[in-house]
Protein backbone atom coordinates (compact mmCIF):
# COMPACT_ATOMS: atom_id res chain seq x y z
CA MET A 1 29.79 -13.52 -67.96
CA VAL A 2 31.44 -12.51 -64.68
CA GLU A 3 33.19 -9.15 -64.36
CA GLU A 4 35.68 -8.23 -61.68
CA THR A 5 36.39 -4.85 -60.12
CA ASP A 6 37.69 -3.36 -56.90
CA ILE A 7 34.53 -1.49 -55.85
CA ALA A 8 30.94 -1.98 -57.03
CA ILE A 9 28.58 0.92 -56.35
CA VAL A 10 24.81 0.61 -56.62
CA GLY A 11 23.32 4.02 -57.39
CA ALA A 12 24.78 7.01 -59.23
CA GLY A 13 23.05 9.68 -57.15
CA GLY A 14 24.67 12.36 -55.03
CA GLY A 15 26.69 9.91 -52.93
CA GLY A 16 27.41 7.12 -55.40
CA ALA A 17 28.62 9.39 -58.19
CA VAL A 18 30.87 11.38 -55.84
CA LEU A 19 32.37 8.19 -54.43
CA ALA A 20 33.03 6.79 -57.90
CA LEU A 21 34.74 10.00 -59.02
CA ALA A 22 36.84 10.28 -55.86
CA LEU A 23 37.97 6.65 -56.28
CA ALA A 24 38.63 7.16 -59.98
CA GLN A 25 40.93 10.05 -59.18
CA LYS A 26 42.92 7.55 -57.11
CA GLY A 27 42.98 5.05 -59.99
CA ILE A 28 40.73 2.49 -58.26
CA ARG A 29 38.68 0.23 -60.55
CA THR A 30 34.98 0.85 -60.00
CA ILE A 31 31.72 -0.24 -61.59
CA VAL A 32 28.64 1.90 -60.93
CA LEU A 33 25.17 0.49 -61.57
CA GLU A 34 22.27 2.92 -61.98
CA GLN A 35 18.73 1.75 -62.64
CA ALA A 36 17.67 5.00 -64.33
CA SER A 37 18.10 5.13 -68.11
CA GLY A 38 20.36 8.19 -67.94
CA PRO A 39 21.33 11.28 -65.95
CA PRO A 40 18.50 12.92 -63.96
CA HIS A 41 16.46 15.70 -65.54
CA GLY A 42 13.61 16.23 -63.09
CA LEU A 43 12.78 19.45 -61.25
CA ARG A 44 14.37 19.73 -57.83
CA GLY A 45 15.69 22.50 -55.64
CA GLU A 46 19.48 22.67 -55.53
CA ILE A 47 21.32 24.47 -52.74
CA LEU A 48 24.99 23.65 -52.27
CA GLN A 49 25.86 24.28 -48.66
CA PRO A 50 29.49 25.14 -47.77
CA ASN A 51 30.46 21.53 -46.99
CA GLY A 52 29.08 20.43 -50.36
CA GLN A 53 31.03 23.20 -52.07
CA GLN A 54 34.15 21.97 -50.30
CA VAL A 55 33.57 18.45 -51.69
CA LEU A 56 33.18 19.75 -55.24
CA ASP A 57 36.29 21.86 -54.79
CA ARG A 58 38.29 18.82 -53.71
CA LEU A 59 37.07 17.01 -56.82
CA GLY A 60 38.15 19.96 -59.00
CA LEU A 61 34.58 20.76 -60.06
CA LEU A 62 33.38 23.76 -58.06
CA ASN A 63 34.92 26.35 -60.39
CA LYS A 64 33.77 24.36 -63.43
CA LEU A 65 30.06 24.70 -62.69
CA PRO A 66 28.51 26.79 -65.49
CA PRO A 67 28.27 30.37 -64.17
CA GLU A 68 25.03 30.88 -66.08
CA SER A 69 23.51 28.03 -64.04
CA THR A 70 24.58 29.09 -60.55
CA ARG A 71 23.78 31.87 -58.13
CA ILE A 72 25.60 32.88 -54.95
CA VAL A 73 23.21 33.74 -52.10
CA ARG A 74 24.43 35.01 -48.74
CA THR A 75 21.36 36.43 -46.98
CA PHE A 76 18.35 34.40 -45.81
CA HIS A 77 15.41 36.10 -44.09
CA PHE A 78 13.11 34.03 -41.86
CA CYS A 79 9.63 35.57 -41.69
CA ARG A 80 6.19 34.93 -40.31
CA ALA A 81 3.52 34.08 -42.85
CA GLY A 82 2.10 37.46 -43.79
CA GLY A 83 5.47 39.18 -44.08
CA GLU A 84 6.92 40.04 -40.64
CA ARG A 85 10.68 39.44 -40.55
CA LEU A 86 11.83 37.32 -37.60
CA CYS A 87 15.51 36.72 -38.20
CA THR A 88 18.19 37.27 -40.85
CA VAL A 89 21.09 34.87 -41.38
CA ASP A 90 24.15 35.98 -43.35
CA TYR A 91 26.44 33.28 -44.77
CA GLY A 92 29.07 35.99 -45.04
CA ASP A 93 29.67 35.45 -41.32
CA LEU A 94 31.26 32.08 -42.11
CA PRO A 95 35.00 31.75 -42.78
CA PRO A 96 35.94 32.13 -46.48
CA PRO A 97 36.09 30.80 -49.12
CA TYR A 98 32.82 28.91 -48.60
CA ASN A 99 30.97 31.75 -46.89
CA ARG A 100 27.91 31.58 -49.15
CA ALA A 101 25.21 29.25 -50.35
CA VAL A 102 25.30 28.33 -54.04
CA VAL A 103 21.92 27.83 -55.70
CA THR A 104 22.09 25.96 -58.99
CA LEU A 105 19.56 25.14 -61.67
CA PRO A 106 18.19 21.58 -61.45
CA ASN A 107 20.83 18.81 -61.46
CA VAL A 108 23.69 21.10 -62.57
CA ALA A 109 26.16 19.88 -59.94
CA HIS A 110 25.13 16.26 -60.41
CA HIS A 111 25.61 16.47 -64.17
CA ALA A 112 29.06 17.98 -63.65
CA ILE A 113 30.01 15.02 -61.46
CA LEU A 114 28.63 12.49 -63.94
CA ASP A 115 30.33 14.20 -66.89
CA ALA A 116 33.67 14.06 -65.07
CA LEU A 117 33.03 10.42 -64.18
CA GLN A 118 32.52 9.48 -67.82
CA THR A 119 36.05 10.64 -68.65
CA GLU A 120 37.72 8.40 -66.06
CA PRO A 121 39.17 5.19 -67.55
CA SER A 122 39.02 3.24 -64.27
CA VAL A 123 35.23 3.64 -63.92
CA SER A 124 32.38 2.01 -65.81
CA LEU A 125 28.98 3.67 -65.33
CA ARG A 126 26.08 1.42 -66.38
CA TYR A 127 22.67 3.05 -66.79
CA GLY A 128 19.51 0.97 -67.02
CA THR A 129 20.97 -1.65 -64.68
CA SER A 130 19.01 -2.86 -61.64
CA PHE A 131 20.53 -4.53 -58.59
CA THR A 132 19.03 -7.97 -57.87
CA GLY A 133 21.20 -9.57 -55.21
CA LEU A 134 24.54 -10.13 -53.49
CA LEU A 135 27.27 -12.69 -54.00
CA ARG A 136 28.63 -14.16 -50.77
CA ASP A 137 31.38 -16.37 -49.52
CA GLY A 138 30.00 -17.35 -46.15
CA ALA A 139 29.22 -14.08 -44.34
CA GLN A 140 31.51 -12.07 -46.65
CA VAL A 141 29.95 -10.10 -49.50
CA ILE A 142 32.08 -10.64 -52.60
CA GLY A 143 29.98 -9.03 -55.33
CA LEU A 144 26.52 -8.60 -56.74
CA THR A 145 24.08 -9.57 -59.44
CA ALA A 146 21.94 -7.23 -61.54
CA THR A 147 19.83 -7.13 -64.67
CA ARG A 148 20.32 -4.95 -67.72
CA GLY A 149 17.45 -5.38 -70.14
CA HIS A 150 17.12 -9.13 -70.58
CA ASP A 151 20.71 -9.80 -69.51
CA THR A 152 22.01 -10.88 -66.13
CA VAL A 153 25.06 -9.01 -64.85
CA THR A 154 27.43 -10.59 -62.33
CA VAL A 155 30.13 -8.46 -60.73
CA LYS A 156 32.75 -9.71 -58.30
CA SER A 157 34.19 -6.96 -56.14
CA LYS A 158 36.14 -6.41 -52.97
CA VAL A 159 33.44 -4.08 -51.57
CA VAL A 160 29.82 -3.42 -52.54
CA VAL A 161 28.50 0.07 -51.76
CA GLY A 162 24.77 0.67 -51.41
CA ALA A 163 24.09 4.23 -52.53
CA ASP A 164 20.59 3.47 -53.73
CA GLY A 165 18.42 5.73 -51.62
CA ALA A 166 15.99 5.51 -48.73
CA PHE A 167 14.31 2.38 -50.12
CA SER A 168 17.69 0.69 -50.64
CA LYS A 169 17.63 -2.79 -52.18
CA VAL A 170 21.24 -3.30 -51.11
CA ARG A 171 20.30 -2.60 -47.47
CA GLU A 172 17.45 -5.07 -47.78
CA ALA A 173 19.74 -7.75 -49.27
CA LEU A 174 22.20 -7.18 -46.42
CA ALA A 175 19.34 -7.81 -43.96
CA ILE A 176 20.12 -4.53 -42.19
CA PRO A 177 16.89 -3.44 -40.51
CA ALA A 178 15.76 0.13 -41.14
CA ASP A 179 13.44 2.47 -39.31
CA LEU A 180 11.89 4.24 -42.30
CA HIS A 181 9.66 7.14 -41.28
CA LEU A 182 7.63 8.95 -43.94
CA TYR A 183 6.70 12.45 -42.79
CA PRO A 184 3.06 13.51 -43.17
CA GLN A 185 4.17 16.57 -45.12
CA GLY A 186 6.14 16.95 -48.33
CA TYR A 187 6.98 19.88 -50.59
CA LEU A 188 5.58 21.25 -53.79
CA ILE A 189 8.59 22.64 -55.67
CA ALA A 190 8.34 25.28 -58.38
CA ILE A 191 10.80 27.20 -60.52
CA LEU A 192 9.59 30.53 -61.85
CA ASP A 193 10.90 33.50 -63.83
CA ALA A 194 10.95 36.57 -61.59
CA PRO A 195 9.86 39.88 -63.13
CA VAL A 196 12.69 41.45 -61.10
CA PRO A 197 15.70 39.25 -60.15
CA LEU A 198 15.88 38.48 -56.44
CA ALA A 199 19.07 38.98 -54.44
CA GLU A 200 18.11 37.42 -51.10
CA ALA A 201 16.24 34.34 -49.94
CA LYS A 202 13.09 34.31 -47.82
CA TYR A 203 11.67 31.52 -45.69
CA PHE A 204 8.15 31.89 -44.26
CA VAL A 205 6.67 29.94 -41.34
CA GLY A 206 3.12 30.05 -40.05
CA LYS A 207 0.29 27.81 -38.88
CA LYS A 208 1.03 24.53 -40.68
CA THR A 209 2.62 26.74 -43.32
CA ILE A 210 6.08 26.85 -44.87
CA LEU A 211 7.07 28.70 -48.04
CA GLY A 212 10.67 29.13 -49.17
CA ILE A 213 11.71 31.54 -51.93
CA PHE A 214 15.30 31.27 -53.19
CA PRO A 215 16.96 33.23 -56.01
CA ALA A 216 18.55 31.00 -58.65
CA ALA A 217 20.57 31.68 -61.81
CA GLY A 218 19.51 34.60 -63.97
CA SER A 219 15.95 35.60 -63.16
CA LYS A 220 14.95 32.12 -61.99
CA VAL A 221 13.50 31.61 -58.51
CA TYR A 222 12.92 28.37 -56.61
CA LEU A 223 9.85 28.01 -54.41
CA PHE A 224 9.11 25.19 -52.04
CA TYR A 225 5.73 25.01 -50.37
CA MET A 226 4.74 22.53 -47.67
CA ILE A 227 1.69 20.40 -48.48
CA ASP A 228 0.34 17.17 -47.05
CA ALA A 229 1.89 14.01 -48.42
CA GLY A 230 -0.38 12.57 -51.09
CA SER A 231 -2.17 15.89 -51.69
CA TYR A 232 -0.33 17.05 -54.83
CA ASP A 233 -3.13 15.92 -57.15
CA ARG A 234 -5.75 17.60 -54.94
CA VAL A 235 -3.74 20.84 -55.01
CA LYS A 236 -3.68 20.67 -58.80
CA GLU A 237 -7.42 20.03 -58.90
CA CYS A 238 -7.95 23.32 -57.04
CA GLY A 239 -6.17 25.15 -59.85
CA LEU A 240 -3.20 27.44 -60.34
CA SER A 241 -5.13 30.50 -59.21
CA ALA A 242 -5.82 28.97 -55.80
CA LEU A 243 -2.14 28.14 -55.36
CA ARG A 244 -1.07 31.65 -56.33
CA GLN A 245 -3.58 33.08 -53.86
CA ALA A 246 -2.27 30.82 -51.07
CA TRP A 247 1.28 31.99 -51.73
CA THR A 248 0.22 35.63 -51.89
CA ALA A 249 -1.45 35.36 -48.49
CA ILE A 250 1.91 34.20 -47.09
CA ASP A 251 4.07 36.78 -48.88
CA PRO A 252 1.99 39.63 -50.35
CA GLU A 253 5.11 41.44 -51.63
CA SER A 254 5.91 38.57 -53.99
CA ARG A 255 2.58 38.56 -55.79
CA PRO A 256 4.19 39.60 -59.13
CA LEU A 257 6.51 36.61 -58.85
CA PHE A 258 3.68 34.19 -58.15
CA GLU A 259 1.88 35.40 -61.27
CA ALA A 260 4.70 33.75 -63.24
CA LEU A 261 3.20 30.34 -62.36
CA HIS A 262 1.37 29.44 -65.58
CA ASP A 263 1.51 25.66 -65.83
CA TRP A 264 1.81 22.64 -63.55
CA SER A 265 4.89 21.57 -65.53
CA GLN A 266 6.69 24.31 -63.57
CA THR A 267 6.11 22.27 -60.40
CA ALA A 268 6.94 18.89 -58.88
CA PHE A 269 6.34 17.12 -55.57
CA MET A 270 9.10 16.05 -53.18
CA PRO A 271 8.15 13.51 -50.46
CA THR A 272 10.15 13.52 -47.23
CA GLY A 273 11.39 10.68 -45.07
CA ARG A 274 13.96 9.63 -42.48
CA VAL A 275 16.01 6.42 -42.33
CA ARG A 276 17.76 5.11 -39.23
CA THR A 277 19.74 1.87 -39.22
CA PRO A 278 21.69 0.08 -36.46
CA THR A 279 24.75 -0.28 -38.70
CA TRP A 280 25.99 0.94 -42.08
CA VAL A 281 28.54 -1.81 -42.67
CA THR A 282 28.91 -5.57 -42.96
CA ASP A 283 31.79 -7.73 -44.14
CA GLY A 284 32.43 -6.56 -47.71
CA ALA A 285 29.60 -4.04 -47.95
CA VAL A 286 28.75 -0.52 -46.82
CA LEU A 287 25.83 1.92 -47.07
CA ILE A 288 26.11 5.65 -47.76
CA GLY A 289 23.73 8.58 -48.10
CA ASP A 290 19.98 8.05 -47.84
CA ALA A 291 20.42 4.26 -47.82
CA ALA A 292 22.04 4.70 -44.39
CA HIS A 293 20.51 7.90 -43.02
CA ALA A 294 17.90 9.82 -45.01
CA MET A 295 16.79 12.98 -43.19
CA ASN A 296 14.17 15.70 -43.42
CA PRO A 297 15.15 18.57 -45.76
CA HIS A 298 14.81 21.06 -42.90
CA ALA A 299 18.40 20.11 -42.09
CA SER A 300 19.46 21.40 -45.56
CA GLN A 301 22.05 18.63 -45.49
CA GLY A 302 20.64 15.40 -46.97
CA ARG A 303 22.51 15.48 -50.27
CA MET A 304 25.52 17.18 -48.69
CA GLN A 305 25.87 14.41 -46.11
CA ALA A 306 25.85 11.77 -48.87
CA MET A 307 28.69 13.65 -50.56
CA VAL A 308 30.69 13.86 -47.33
CA ASP A 309 30.07 10.13 -46.74
CA ALA A 310 31.51 9.44 -50.17
CA MET A 311 34.65 11.50 -49.62
CA MET A 312 35.38 9.89 -46.25
CA LEU A 313 34.80 6.39 -47.60
CA ALA A 314 37.05 7.21 -50.56
CA GLU A 315 39.86 7.83 -48.07
CA LEU A 316 39.33 4.47 -46.33
CA LEU A 317 38.78 2.12 -49.28
CA PRO A 318 42.32 2.42 -50.74
CA GLU A 319 43.63 1.36 -47.33
CA CYS A 320 41.23 -1.61 -47.34
CA LEU A 321 42.49 -2.62 -50.78
CA ALA A 322 46.12 -2.26 -49.75
CA ASP A 323 45.59 -4.37 -46.62
CA GLY A 324 43.21 -6.87 -48.23
CA ASP A 325 40.85 -6.20 -45.32
CA TYR A 326 37.19 -5.60 -46.21
CA SER A 327 35.74 -6.63 -42.86
CA ALA A 328 32.97 -4.84 -41.06
CA ALA A 329 35.49 -3.96 -38.35
CA LYS A 330 37.66 -2.14 -40.91
CA LEU A 331 34.76 -0.43 -42.67
CA LYS A 332 33.32 0.62 -39.30
CA ARG A 333 35.92 3.39 -39.14
CA TYR A 334 33.90 5.25 -41.79
CA GLU A 335 30.65 4.82 -39.89
CA SER A 336 32.19 5.77 -36.54
CA ALA A 337 33.53 8.99 -38.03
CA ARG A 338 30.33 9.95 -39.83
CA ARG A 339 27.51 8.82 -37.56
CA PRO A 340 27.76 11.55 -34.85
CA GLN A 341 27.16 14.41 -37.28
CA VAL A 342 24.44 12.53 -39.15
CA THR A 343 22.61 11.64 -35.94
CA MET A 344 22.81 15.23 -34.75
CA LEU A 345 21.40 16.54 -38.04
CA GLN A 346 18.56 14.02 -38.06
CA GLN A 347 17.59 14.99 -34.51
CA LEU A 348 17.83 18.69 -35.32
CA ALA A 349 15.69 18.26 -38.42
CA ASP A 350 13.01 16.46 -36.41
CA GLU A 351 12.98 19.27 -33.84
CA GLN A 352 12.52 21.72 -36.69
CA VAL A 353 9.65 19.62 -38.06
CA LEU A 354 7.99 19.79 -34.64
CA PHE A 355 8.24 23.57 -34.33
CA TRP A 356 8.27 24.80 -37.93
CA ASN A 357 5.48 22.60 -39.30
CA THR A 358 3.26 23.07 -36.27
CA GLY A 359 -0.34 24.14 -36.05
CA ASN A 360 -0.08 24.42 -32.25
CA PRO A 361 -0.12 28.11 -31.21
CA LEU A 362 2.15 27.54 -28.17
CA LEU A 363 4.82 25.79 -30.24
CA ALA A 364 4.51 28.49 -32.89
CA TYR A 365 4.97 31.16 -30.22
CA LEU A 366 8.15 29.45 -28.97
CA ARG A 367 9.41 29.04 -32.54
CA ASP A 368 8.97 32.71 -33.34
CA ARG A 369 10.47 33.70 -29.99
CA VAL A 370 13.60 31.66 -30.78
CA PHE A 371 13.90 33.22 -34.24
CA ARG A 372 13.69 36.72 -32.72
CA THR A 373 16.34 35.80 -30.13
CA LEU A 374 18.64 34.52 -32.86
CA ASP A 375 18.24 37.79 -34.72
CA ARG A 376 19.71 39.59 -31.67
CA ASN A 377 22.16 36.91 -30.55
CA ALA A 378 25.18 36.62 -32.85
CA ARG A 379 26.68 33.68 -30.95
CA LEU A 380 23.64 31.43 -31.19
CA ARG A 381 22.86 32.58 -34.73
CA TYR A 382 26.36 31.55 -35.80
CA ARG A 383 25.89 28.13 -34.22
CA VAL A 384 22.72 27.56 -36.22
CA LEU A 385 24.33 28.84 -39.42
CA SER A 386 27.46 26.70 -39.06
CA THR A 387 25.26 23.64 -38.48
CA THR A 388 23.17 24.31 -41.58
CA ALA A 389 26.41 24.86 -43.50
CA GLY A 390 27.59 21.39 -42.48
CA LEU A 391 30.55 22.73 -40.51
CA ARG A 392 29.48 21.48 -37.07
CA GLY A 393 29.63 17.90 -35.90
CA THR A 394 28.03 18.55 -32.51
CA PRO A 395 24.60 19.98 -31.62
CA PRO A 396 24.40 23.76 -31.94
CA PHE A 397 22.68 24.25 -28.56
CA THR A 398 23.37 22.98 -25.06
CA LEU A 399 20.48 22.90 -22.60
CA LEU A 400 21.62 26.30 -21.32
CA ASP A 401 21.73 27.64 -24.88
CA ARG A 402 18.16 26.44 -25.41
CA MET A 403 17.01 28.41 -22.38
CA MET A 404 18.78 31.49 -23.74
CA ALA A 405 17.36 30.96 -27.24
CA ALA A 406 13.85 30.75 -25.81
CA GLY A 407 14.47 34.06 -24.03
CA PHE A 408 14.26 32.63 -20.51
CA LEU A 409 17.87 33.45 -19.61
CA PRO A 410 20.22 36.29 -20.62
CA ASP A 411 23.31 35.45 -22.69
CA PRO A 412 26.36 37.46 -21.57
CA ALA A 413 28.26 36.29 -24.69
CA ALA A 414 25.44 37.08 -27.12
CA GLN A 415 27.59 39.24 -29.41
CA ASP A 416 30.69 37.04 -29.25
CA VAL A 417 30.61 35.21 -32.58
CA ALA A 418 33.92 33.51 -31.74
CA ALA A 419 32.15 31.84 -28.81
CA GLY A 420 29.78 30.25 -31.33
CA GLY A 421 32.63 28.08 -32.52
CA VAL A 422 32.43 25.10 -34.86
CA GLY A 423 32.21 21.80 -33.02
């Protein structure tokens, strides 16, 4: 049996689900194939940056997130391992209404998107369906094949969208080469019940040490702790007590919180990687999110950038359908608009990996010196904040700014937040 649709999306993650919903709200026929058996339920940290909040608002979902599952956080303290505060960033400095971070319980925003998607008559969401290949007419992609159980699924579509993650099968079928870099460190994630609810977030850096502590809904608290890739089982072999002691050495004041770690089921491991590709589009097909540009979580923008991809592509695809033009040249408008910000964020994240993950004392000295400068310099601090918030499309620092941030040059506009701008 052959089905026909306007748009076929492979992957119902952060980018694919947003794209499907945005298209559905325009009445465009869409089929979404997701290899998982149902909506995600695993443990993961969830911080909605301002640009992600803006996407949910445009979809009519931001105010529908369950209040008992969300937490607004405005203040983030960056500290040295051991407790010394280096810099404080206040999201309240951003323009309203998105002048905050929103921390949600695991998968809350994603479930809200999927629930809304299920109510749209123009969309068919197929769980348990795995992409197997592309249909082509010469060089033009005209659909895809997949398997669902023992059945073969054939879908003809005007455009195929690969939203299937860093190890994208769609990208592979399109023969788009990818530079896939797996970082030597990943993150142990935990969600704990705090004895006293936290109001502000803390982020600790030290010698090959990172520990983030973020308040979540109710008395819940997210922790993410940098460990070597592939070492999660070894960490568990050392026992919960050893992990609690390691955390306490980094943040002695939070020892009562760390005592709430009772079982490894409260934890999970998140690997980290980066994807770079020479193009995101071909005739009749396009990549979004991690399939096109996975990035290190230091940027705090991986999932947000997939959502922004989806919204921009959702503006272009109706025009493609109206014109009957699904060429790479037409689809390239999406890539040309999105690539500068994505490239900037990937580069910034890699710089942060170099300095934040370091065991080199000179690099650590420079890192801490920059943090202390940012704490005094409102202009540069705002540039960093607006970048993390997803509001900047250009690098936060010029070469001159870098010299000022490192403390080698004075900044006459240090207290001029307006000069920080949003590029």
